[in-house]
Amino acid sequence: MKKKIIIAASLVLSIAVAVFGLFTYQHHQKQEKAKQEREKYENYFYYTGQWEIDSYQFLEDGRGVVVHWKSLTP
Protein backbone atom coordinates (compact mmCIF):
# COMPACT_ATOMS: atom_id res chain seq x y z
CA MET A 1 0.00 0.00 0.00
CA LYS A 2 2.77 2.43 0.89
CA LYS A 3 4.55 1.57 -2.37
CA LYS A 4 1.43 2.47 -4.42
CA ILE A 5 1.15 5.84 -2.67
CA ILE A 6 4.82 6.60 -3.39
CA ILE A 7 4.39 5.61 -7.06
CA ALA A 8 1.22 7.72 -7.41
CA ALA A 9 2.85 10.72 -5.69
CA SER A 10 5.93 10.47 -7.88
CA LEU A 11 3.72 10.23 -11.00
CA VAL A 12 1.75 13.33 -9.98
CA LEU A 13 4.97 15.16 -9.17
CA SER A 14 6.55 14.27 -12.52
CA ILE A 15 3.43 15.45 -14.39
CA ALA A 16 3.48 18.71 -12.42
CA VAL A 17 7.16 19.22 -13.24
CA ALA A 18 6.48 18.51 -16.93
CA VAL A 19 3.59 21.02 -17.05
CA PHE A 20 5.67 23.63 -15.24
CA GLY A 21 8.52 23.06 -17.71
CA LEU A 22 6.14 23.44 -20.66
CA PHE A 23 4.75 26.73 -19.36
CA THR A 24 8.25 28.00 -18.64
CA TYR A 25 9.39 27.08 -22.15
CA GLN A 26 6.39 28.81 -23.75
CA HIS A 27 6.95 31.93 -21.66
CA HIS A 28 10.61 31.99 -22.69
CA GLN A 29 9.67 31.62 -26.36
CA LYS A 30 7.19 34.51 -26.08
CA GLN A 31 9.83 36.74 -24.48
CA GLU A 32 12.39 35.80 -27.13
CA LYS A 33 9.95 36.61 -29.94
CA ALA A 34 9.13 39.99 -28.35
CA LYS A 35 12.84 40.73 -28.01
CA GLN A 36 13.44 39.94 -31.69
CA GLU A 37 10.54 42.18 -32.74
CA ARG A 38 11.85 45.01 -30.57
CA GLU A 39 15.37 44.66 -31.99
CA LYS A 40 13.98 44.57 -35.52
CA TYR A 41 12.32 47.98 -35.16
CA GLU A 42 14.99 49.63 -33.01
CA ASN A 43 17.25 49.85 -36.07
CA TYR A 44 14.94 52.27 -37.91
CA PHE A 45 15.20 56.03 -37.73
CA TYR A 46 12.16 58.23 -37.97
CA TYR A 47 11.94 61.49 -39.84
CA THR A 48 8.94 63.66 -39.30
CA GLY A 49 9.22 66.63 -41.60
CA GLN A 50 6.73 69.39 -42.26
CA TRP A 51 3.75 68.30 -44.34
CA GLU A 52 0.47 69.76 -45.52
CA ILE A 53 -2.50 68.27 -47.31
CA ASP A 54 -2.21 69.02 -51.02
CA SER A 55 -5.48 67.38 -52.08
CA TYR A 56 -7.99 64.88 -50.80
CA GLN A 57 -10.99 62.90 -52.02
CA PHE A 58 -13.58 60.90 -50.12
CA LEU A 59 -14.21 57.34 -51.24
CA GLU A 60 -17.55 56.54 -52.89
CA ASP A 61 -18.91 54.56 -49.95
CA GLY A 62 -17.95 57.31 -47.50
CA ARG A 63 -15.85 54.96 -45.38
CA GLY A 64 -12.49 56.52 -46.11
CA VAL A 65 -10.52 59.30 -47.67
CA VAL A 66 -7.54 59.44 -50.03
CA VAL A 67 -5.05 62.16 -49.10
CA HIS A 68 -2.07 63.49 -51.02
CA TRP A 69 0.48 65.05 -48.71
CA LYS A 70 2.94 67.72 -49.88
CA SER A 71 6.28 68.08 -48.13
CA LEU A 72 7.15 71.59 -46.98
CA THR A 73 10.74 70.60 -46.19
CA PRO A 74 11.96 68.29 -48.98
PDB file of N, CA and C in Angstrom:
ATOM      1  N   MET A   1       0.815  -1.185   0.000  1.00  0.00           N
ATOM      2  CA  MET A   1       0.000   0.000   0.000  1.00  0.00           C
ATOM      3  C   MET A   1       0.866   1.259   0.000  1.00  0.00           C
ATOM      4  N   LYS A   2       1.883   1.282   0.826  1.00  0.00           N
ATOM      5  CA  LYS A   2       2.775   2.431   0.890  1.00  0.00           C
ATOM      6  C   LYS A   2       3.514   2.619  -0.434  1.00  0.00           C
ATOM      7  N   LYS A   3       3.833   1.503  -1.098  1.00  0.00           N
ATOM      8  CA  LYS A   3       4.549   1.565  -2.368  1.00  0.00           C
ATOM      9  C   LYS A   3       3.665   2.193  -3.442  1.00  0.00           C
ATOM     10  N   LYS A   4       2.369   1.895  -3.439  1.00  0.00           N
ATOM     11  CA  LYS A   4       1.435   2.467  -4.418  1.00  0.00           C
ATOM     12  C   LYS A   4       1.287   3.970  -4.211  1.00  0.00           C
ATOM     13  N   ILE A   5       1.263   4.405  -2.963  1.00  0.00           N
ATOM     14  CA  ILE A   5       1.153   5.837  -2.668  1.00  0.00           C
ATOM     15  C   ILE A   5       2.400   6.566  -3.149  1.00  0.00           C
ATOM     16  N   ILE A   6       3.566   5.988  -2.945  1.00  0.00           N
ATOM     17  CA  ILE A   6       4.823   6.596  -3.390  1.00  0.00           C
ATOM     18  C   ILE A   6       4.852   6.679  -4.911  1.00  0.00           C
ATOM     19  N   ILE A   7       4.413   5.616  -5.593  1.00  0.00           N
ATOM     20  CA  ILE A   7       4.389   5.609  -7.063  1.00  0.00           C
ATOM     21  C   ILE A   7       3.409   6.660  -7.576  1.00  0.00           C
ATOM     22  N   ALA A   8       2.215   6.737  -6.980  1.00  0.00           N
ATOM     23  CA  ALA A   8       1.219   7.725  -7.406  1.00  0.00           C
ATOM     24  C   ALA A   8       1.720   9.146  -7.152  1.00  0.00           C
ATOM     25  N   ALA A   9       2.329   9.387  -6.010  1.00  0.00           N
ATOM     26  CA  ALA A   9       2.848  10.717  -5.688  1.00  0.00           C
ATOM     27  C   ALA A   9       3.973  11.111  -6.641  1.00  0.00           C
ATOM     28  N   SER A  10       4.846  10.163  -6.960  1.00  0.00           N
ATOM     29  CA  SER A  10       5.931  10.473  -7.885  1.00  0.00           C
ATOM     30  C   SER A  10       5.398  10.710  -9.297  1.00  0.00           C
ATOM     31  N   LEU A  11       4.333  10.005  -9.682  1.00  0.00           N
ATOM     32  CA  LEU A  11       3.717  10.227 -10.996  1.00  0.00           C
ATOM     33  C   LEU A  11       3.087  11.616 -11.057  1.00  0.00           C
ATOM     34  N   VAL A  12       2.363  12.000 -10.027  1.00  0.00           N
ATOM     35  CA  VAL A  12       1.755  13.331  -9.984  1.00  0.00           C
ATOM     36  C   VAL A  12       2.833  14.410  -9.973  1.00  0.00           C
ATOM     37  N   LEU A  13       3.883  14.194  -9.225  1.00  0.00           N
ATOM     38  CA  LEU A  13       4.973  15.161  -9.168  1.00  0.00           C
ATOM     39  C   LEU A  13       5.657  15.304 -10.522  1.00  0.00           C
ATOM     40  N   SER A  14       5.887  14.194 -11.206  1.00  0.00           N
ATOM     41  CA  SER A  14       6.547  14.266 -12.515  1.00  0.00           C
ATOM     42  C   SER A  14       5.654  14.963 -13.537  1.00  0.00           C
ATOM     43  N   ILE A  15       4.343  14.744 -13.475  1.00  0.00           N
ATOM     44  CA  ILE A  15       3.428  15.446 -14.386  1.00  0.00           C
ATOM     45  C   ILE A  15       3.434  16.942 -14.078  1.00  0.00           C
ATOM     46  N   ALA A  16       3.444  17.302 -12.802  1.00  0.00           N
ATOM     47  CA  ALA A  16       3.482  18.714 -12.416  1.00  0.00           C
ATOM     48  C   ALA A  16       4.770  19.379 -12.895  1.00  0.00           C
ATOM     49  N   VAL A  17       5.882  18.682 -12.779  1.00  0.00           N
ATOM     50  CA  VAL A  17       7.161  19.224 -13.240  1.00  0.00           C
ATOM     51  C   VAL A  17       7.144  19.394 -14.759  1.00  0.00           C
ATOM     52  N   ALA A  18       6.560  18.428 -15.479  1.00  0.00           N
ATOM     53  CA  ALA A  18       6.477  18.515 -16.933  1.00  0.00           C
ATOM     54  C   ALA A  18       5.604  19.694 -17.371  1.00  0.00           C
ATOM     55  N   VAL A  19       4.477  19.892 -16.712  1.00  0.00           N
ATOM     56  CA  VAL A  19       3.589  21.015 -17.048  1.00  0.00           C
ATOM     57  C   VAL A  19       4.279  22.338 -16.732  1.00  0.00           C
ATOM     58  N   PHE A  20       4.937  22.423 -15.594  1.00  0.00           N
ATOM     59  CA  PHE A  20       5.674  23.631 -15.242  1.00  0.00           C
ATOM     60  C   PHE A  20       6.765  23.918 -16.273  1.00  0.00           C
ATOM     61  N   GLY A  21       7.472  22.885 -16.689  1.00  0.00           N
ATOM     62  CA  GLY A  21       8.515  23.062 -17.706  1.00  0.00           C
ATOM     63  C   GLY A  21       7.943  23.538 -19.034  1.00  0.00           C
ATOM     64  N   LEU A  22       6.775  23.015 -19.408  1.00  0.00           N
ATOM     65  CA  LEU A  22       6.140  23.440 -20.655  1.00  0.00           C
ATOM     66  C   LEU A  22       5.743  24.906 -20.593  1.00  0.00           C
ATOM     67  N   PHE A  23       5.127  25.319 -19.493  1.00  0.00           N
ATOM     68  CA  PHE A  23       4.751  26.732 -19.362  1.00  0.00           C
ATOM     69  C   PHE A  23       5.970  27.641 -19.330  1.00  0.00           C
ATOM     70  N   THR A  24       7.014  27.214 -18.685  1.00  0.00           N
ATOM     71  CA  THR A  24       8.246  28.004 -18.638  1.00  0.00           C
ATOM     72  C   THR A  24       8.848  28.145 -20.034  1.00  0.00           C
ATOM     73  N   TYR A  25       8.858  27.053 -20.788  1.00  0.00           N
ATOM     74  CA  TYR A  25       9.387  27.076 -22.155  1.00  0.00           C
ATOM     75  C   TYR A  25       8.569  28.009 -23.040  1.00  0.00           C
ATOM     76  N   GLN A  26       7.231  27.938 -22.950  1.00  0.00           N
ATOM     77  CA  GLN A  26       6.388  28.810 -23.753  1.00  0.00           C
ATOM     78  C   GLN A  26       6.576  30.277 -23.383  1.00  0.00           C
ATOM     79  N   HIS A  27       6.717  30.557 -22.107  1.00  0.00           N
ATOM     80  CA  HIS A  27       6.954  31.933 -21.664  1.00  0.00           C
ATOM     81  C   HIS A  27       8.284  32.450 -22.199  1.00  0.00           C
ATOM     82  N   HIS A  28       9.300  31.606 -22.161  1.00  0.00           N
ATOM     83  CA  HIS A  28      10.610  31.994 -22.688  1.00  0.00           C
ATOM     84  C   HIS A  28      10.535  32.266 -24.187  1.00  0.00           C
ATOM     85  N   GLN A  29       9.813  31.422 -24.916  1.00  0.00           N
ATOM     86  CA  GLN A  29       9.673  31.618 -26.358  1.00  0.00           C
ATOM     87  C   GLN A  29       8.948  32.929 -26.660  1.00  0.00           C
ATOM     88  N   LYS A  30       7.928  33.263 -25.875  1.00  0.00           N
ATOM     89  CA  LYS A  30       7.193  34.506 -26.085  1.00  0.00           C
ATOM     90  C   LYS A  30       8.094  35.713 -25.827  1.00  0.00           C
ATOM     91  N   GLN A  31       8.903  35.638 -24.774  1.00  0.00           N
ATOM     92  CA  GLN A  31       9.826  36.735 -24.475  1.00  0.00           C
ATOM     93  C   GLN A  31      10.885  36.871 -25.568  1.00  0.00           C
ATOM     94  N   GLU A  32      11.373  35.763 -26.070  1.00  0.00           N
ATOM     95  CA  GLU A  32      12.394  35.798 -27.127  1.00  0.00           C
ATOM     96  C   GLU A  32      11.826  36.404 -28.407  1.00  0.00           C
ATOM     97  N   LYS A  33      10.589  36.061 -28.744  1.00  0.00           N
ATOM     98  CA  LYS A  33       9.950  36.615 -29.938  1.00  0.00           C
ATOM     99  C   LYS A  33       9.746  38.119 -29.787  1.00  0.00           C
ATOM    100  N   ALA A  34       9.314  38.560 -28.607  1.00  0.00           N
ATOM    101  CA  ALA A  34       9.130  39.986 -28.353  1.00  0.00           C
ATOM    102  C   ALA A  34      10.458  40.729 -28.435  1.00  0.00           C
ATOM    103  N   LYS A  35      11.510  40.116 -27.947  1.00  0.00           N
ATOM    104  CA  LYS A  35      12.839  40.730 -28.008  1.00  0.00           C
ATOM    105  C   LYS A  35      13.294  40.881 -29.452  1.00  0.00           C
ATOM    106  N   GLN A  36      13.058  39.865 -30.282  1.00  0.00           N
ATOM    107  CA  GLN A  36      13.444  39.941 -31.688  1.00  0.00           C
ATOM    108  C   GLN A  36      12.650  41.018 -32.414  1.00  0.00           C
ATOM    109  N   GLU A  37      11.350  41.128 -32.130  1.00  0.00           N
ATOM    110  CA  GLU A  37      10.536  42.177 -32.740  1.00  0.00           C
ATOM    111  C   GLU A  37      11.041  43.558 -32.337  1.00  0.00           C
ATOM    112  N   ARG A  38      11.361  43.721 -31.061  1.00  0.00           N
ATOM    113  CA  ARG A  38      11.855  45.010 -30.567  1.00  0.00           C
ATOM    114  C   ARG A  38      13.175  45.359 -31.238  1.00  0.00           C
ATOM    115  N   GLU A  39      14.082  44.398 -31.357  1.00  0.00           N
ATOM    116  CA  GLU A  39      15.375  44.659 -31.991  1.00  0.00           C
ATOM    117  C   GLU A  39      15.215  44.950 -33.477  1.00  0.00           C
ATOM    118  N   LYS A  40      14.219  44.345 -34.084  1.00  0.00           N
ATOM    119  CA  LYS A  40      13.976  44.572 -35.519  1.00  0.00           C
ATOM    120  C   LYS A  40      13.621  46.030 -35.784  1.00  0.00           C
ATOM    121  N   TYR A  41      12.781  46.618 -34.924  1.00  0.00           N
ATOM    122  CA  TYR A  41      12.319  47.977 -35.158  1.00  0.00           C
ATOM    123  C   TYR A  41      13.185  49.027 -34.491  1.00  0.00           C
ATOM    124  N   GLU A  42      14.100  48.654 -33.630  1.00  0.00           N
ATOM    125  CA  GLU A  42      14.992  49.634 -33.013  1.00  0.00           C
ATOM    126  C   GLU A  42      16.030  50.146 -34.001  1.00  0.00           C
ATOM    127  N   ASN A  43      16.239  49.455 -35.101  1.00  0.00           N
ATOM    128  CA  ASN A  43      17.255  49.854 -36.073  1.00  0.00           C
ATOM    129  C   ASN A  43      16.765  50.933 -37.032  1.00  0.00           C
ATOM    130  N   TYR A  44      15.488  51.279 -36.994  1.00  0.00           N
ATOM    131  CA  TYR A  44      14.943  52.271 -37.906  1.00  0.00           C
ATOM    132  C   TYR A  44      15.019  53.655 -37.288  1.00  0.00           C
ATOM    133  N   PHE A  45      15.212  54.638 -38.144  1.00  0.00           N
ATOM    134  CA  PHE A  45      15.203  56.031 -37.733  1.00  0.00           C
ATOM    135  C   PHE A  45      13.946  56.668 -38.292  1.00  0.00           C
ATOM    136  N   TYR A  46      13.384  57.574 -37.552  1.00  0.00           N
ATOM    137  CA  TYR A  46      12.158  58.225 -37.971  1.00  0.00           C
ATOM    138  C   TYR A  46      12.447  59.668 -38.338  1.00  0.00           C
ATOM    139  N   TYR A  47      11.848  60.098 -39.436  1.00  0.00           N
ATOM    140  CA  TYR A  47      11.944  61.490 -39.839  1.00  0.00           C
ATOM    141  C   TYR A  47      10.527  62.031 -39.957  1.00  0.00           C
ATOM    142  N   THR A  48      10.257  63.042 -39.223  1.00  0.00           N
ATOM    143  CA  THR A  48       8.942  63.663 -39.305  1.00  0.00           C
ATOM    144  C   THR A  48       9.142  65.097 -39.753  1.00  0.00           C
ATOM    145  N   GLY A  49       9.038  65.299 -41.039  1.00  0.00           N
ATOM    146  CA  GLY A  49       9.219  66.634 -41.604  1.00  0.00           C
ATOM    147  C   GLY A  49       7.933  67.429 -41.515  1.00  0.00           C
ATOM    148  N   GLN A  50       7.901  68.528 -42.215  1.00  0.00           N
ATOM    149  CA  GLN A  50       6.729  69.390 -42.263  1.00  0.00           C
ATOM    150  C   GLN A  50       5.901  69.015 -43.488  1.00  0.00           C
ATOM    151  N   TRP A  51       4.629  68.736 -43.261  1.00  0.00           N
ATOM    152  CA  TRP A  51       3.751  68.302 -44.338  1.00  0.00           C
ATOM    153  C   TRP A  51       2.449  69.101 -44.299  1.00  0.00           C
ATOM    154  N   GLU A  52       1.817  69.206 -45.469  1.00  0.00           N
ATOM    155  CA  GLU A  52       0.472  69.761 -45.521  1.00  0.00           C
ATOM    156  C   GLU A  52      -0.330  68.964 -46.536  1.00  0.00           C
ATOM    157  N   ILE A  53      -1.636  69.004 -46.387  1.00  0.00           N
ATOM    158  CA  ILE A  53      -2.500  68.269 -47.307  1.00  0.00           C
ATOM    159  C   ILE A  53      -2.582  69.049 -48.607  1.00  0.00           C
ATOM    160  N   ASP A  54      -2.175  68.402 -49.705  1.00  0.00           N
ATOM    161  CA  ASP A  54      -2.207  69.018 -51.021  1.00  0.00           C
ATOM    162  C   ASP A  54      -3.597  68.855 -51.634  1.00  0.00           C
ATOM    163  N   SER A  55      -4.129  67.638 -51.579  1.00  0.00           N
ATOM    164  CA  SER A  55      -5.480  67.383 -52.083  1.00  0.00           C
ATOM    165  C   SER A  55      -6.041  66.163 -51.377  1.00  0.00           C
ATOM    166  N   TYR A  56      -7.353  66.038 -51.415  1.00  0.00           N
ATOM    167  CA  TYR A  56      -7.995  64.881 -50.797  1.00  0.00           C
ATOM    168  C   TYR A  56      -9.281  64.566 -51.544  1.00  0.00           C
ATOM    169  N   GLN A  57      -9.744  63.323 -51.401  1.00  0.00           N
ATOM    170  CA  GLN A  57     -10.990  62.897 -52.023  1.00  0.00           C
ATOM    171  C   GLN A  57     -11.598  61.796 -51.174  1.00  0.00           C
ATOM    172  N   PHE A  58     -12.881  61.926 -50.888  1.00  0.00           N
ATOM    173  CA  PHE A  58     -13.577  60.903 -50.121  1.00  0.00           C
ATOM    174  C   PHE A  58     -13.908  59.720 -51.022  1.00  0.00           C
ATOM    175  N   LEU A  59     -13.845  58.522 -50.480  1.00  0.00           N
ATOM    176  CA  LEU A  59     -14.208  57.337 -51.237  1.00  0.00           C
ATOM    177  C   LEU A  59     -15.712  57.309 -51.477  1.00  0.00           C
ATOM    178  N   GLU A  60     -16.135  56.542 -52.499  1.00  0.00           N
ATOM    179  CA  GLU A  60     -17.546  56.544 -52.891  1.00  0.00           C
ATOM    180  C   GLU A  60     -18.468  56.070 -51.776  1.00  0.00           C
ATOM    181  N   ASP A  61     -18.033  55.079 -50.994  1.00  0.00           N
ATOM    182  CA  ASP A  61     -18.913  54.560 -49.950  1.00  0.00           C
ATOM    183  C   ASP A  61     -18.851  55.390 -48.665  1.00  0.00           C
ATOM    184  N   GLY A  62     -18.028  56.428 -48.646  1.00  0.00           N
ATOM    185  CA  GLY A  62     -17.950  57.310 -47.499  1.00  0.00           C
ATOM    186  C   GLY A  62     -17.223  56.727 -46.307  1.00  0.00           C
ATOM    187  N   ARG A  63     -16.517  55.626 -46.503  1.00  0.00           N
ATOM    188  CA  ARG A  63     -15.850  54.961 -45.383  1.00  0.00           C
ATOM    189  C   ARG A  63     -14.365  55.285 -45.307  1.00  0.00           C
ATOM    190  N   GLY A  64     -13.903  56.192 -46.137  1.00  0.00           N
ATOM    191  CA  GLY A  64     -12.487  56.522 -46.107  1.00  0.00           C
ATOM    192  C   GLY A  64     -12.194  57.742 -46.945  1.00  0.00           C
ATOM    193  N   VAL A  65     -10.940  58.131 -46.920  1.00  0.00           N
ATOM    194  CA  VAL A  65     -10.517  59.297 -47.671  1.00  0.00           C
ATOM    195  C   VAL A  65      -9.113  59.029 -48.216  1.00  0.00           C
ATOM    196  N   VAL A  66      -8.859  59.533 -49.415  1.00  0.00           N
ATOM    197  CA  VAL A  66      -7.542  59.443 -50.029  1.00  0.00           C
ATOM    198  C   VAL A  66      -6.913  60.822 -49.916  1.00  0.00           C
ATOM    199  N   VAL A  67      -5.698  60.878 -49.350  1.00  0.00           N
ATOM    200  CA  VAL A  67      -5.049  62.162 -49.095  1.00  0.00           C
ATOM    201  C   VAL A  67      -3.700  62.179 -49.783  1.00  0.00           C
ATOM    202  N   HIS A  68      -3.400  63.285 -50.454  1.00  0.00           N
ATOM    203  CA  HIS A  68      -2.067  63.490 -51.021  1.00  0.00           C
ATOM    204  C   HIS A  68      -1.371  64.550 -50.173  1.00  0.00           C
ATOM    205  N   TRP A  69      -0.253  64.150 -49.577  1.00  0.00           N
ATOM    206  CA  TRP A  69       0.478  65.050 -48.706  1.00  0.00           C
ATOM    207  C   TRP A  69       1.611  65.712 -49.489  1.00  0.00           C
ATOM    208  N   LYS A  70       1.857  66.976 -49.238  1.00  0.00           N
ATOM    209  CA  LYS A  70       2.944  67.716 -49.882  1.00  0.00           C
ATOM    210  C   LYS A  70       3.961  68.090 -48.820  1.00  0.00           C
ATOM    211  N   SER A  71       5.224  67.787 -49.086  1.00  0.00           N
ATOM    212  CA  SER A  71       6.283  68.082 -48.132  1.00  0.00           C
ATOM    213  C   SER A  71       6.663  69.555 -48.203  1.00  0.00           C
ATOM    214  N   LEU A  72       6.728  70.193 -47.045  1.00  0.00           N
ATOM    215  CA  LEU A  72       7.152  71.585 -46.984  1.00  0.00           C
ATOM    216  C   LEU A  72       8.660  71.698 -46.816  1.00  0.00           C
ATOM    217  N   THR A  73       9.299  70.620 -46.366  1.00  0.00           N
ATOM    218  CA  THR A  73      10.744  70.596 -46.191  1.00  0.00           C
ATOM    219  C   THR A  73      11.314  69.359 -46.903  1.00  0.00           C
ATOM    220  N   PRO A  74      11.480  69.479 -48.231  1.00  0.00           N
ATOM    221  CA  PRO A  74      11.959  68.294 -48.980  1.00  0.00           C
ATOM    222  C   PRO A  74      13.344  67.845 -48.596  1.00  0.00           C
TER     223      PRO A  74
END
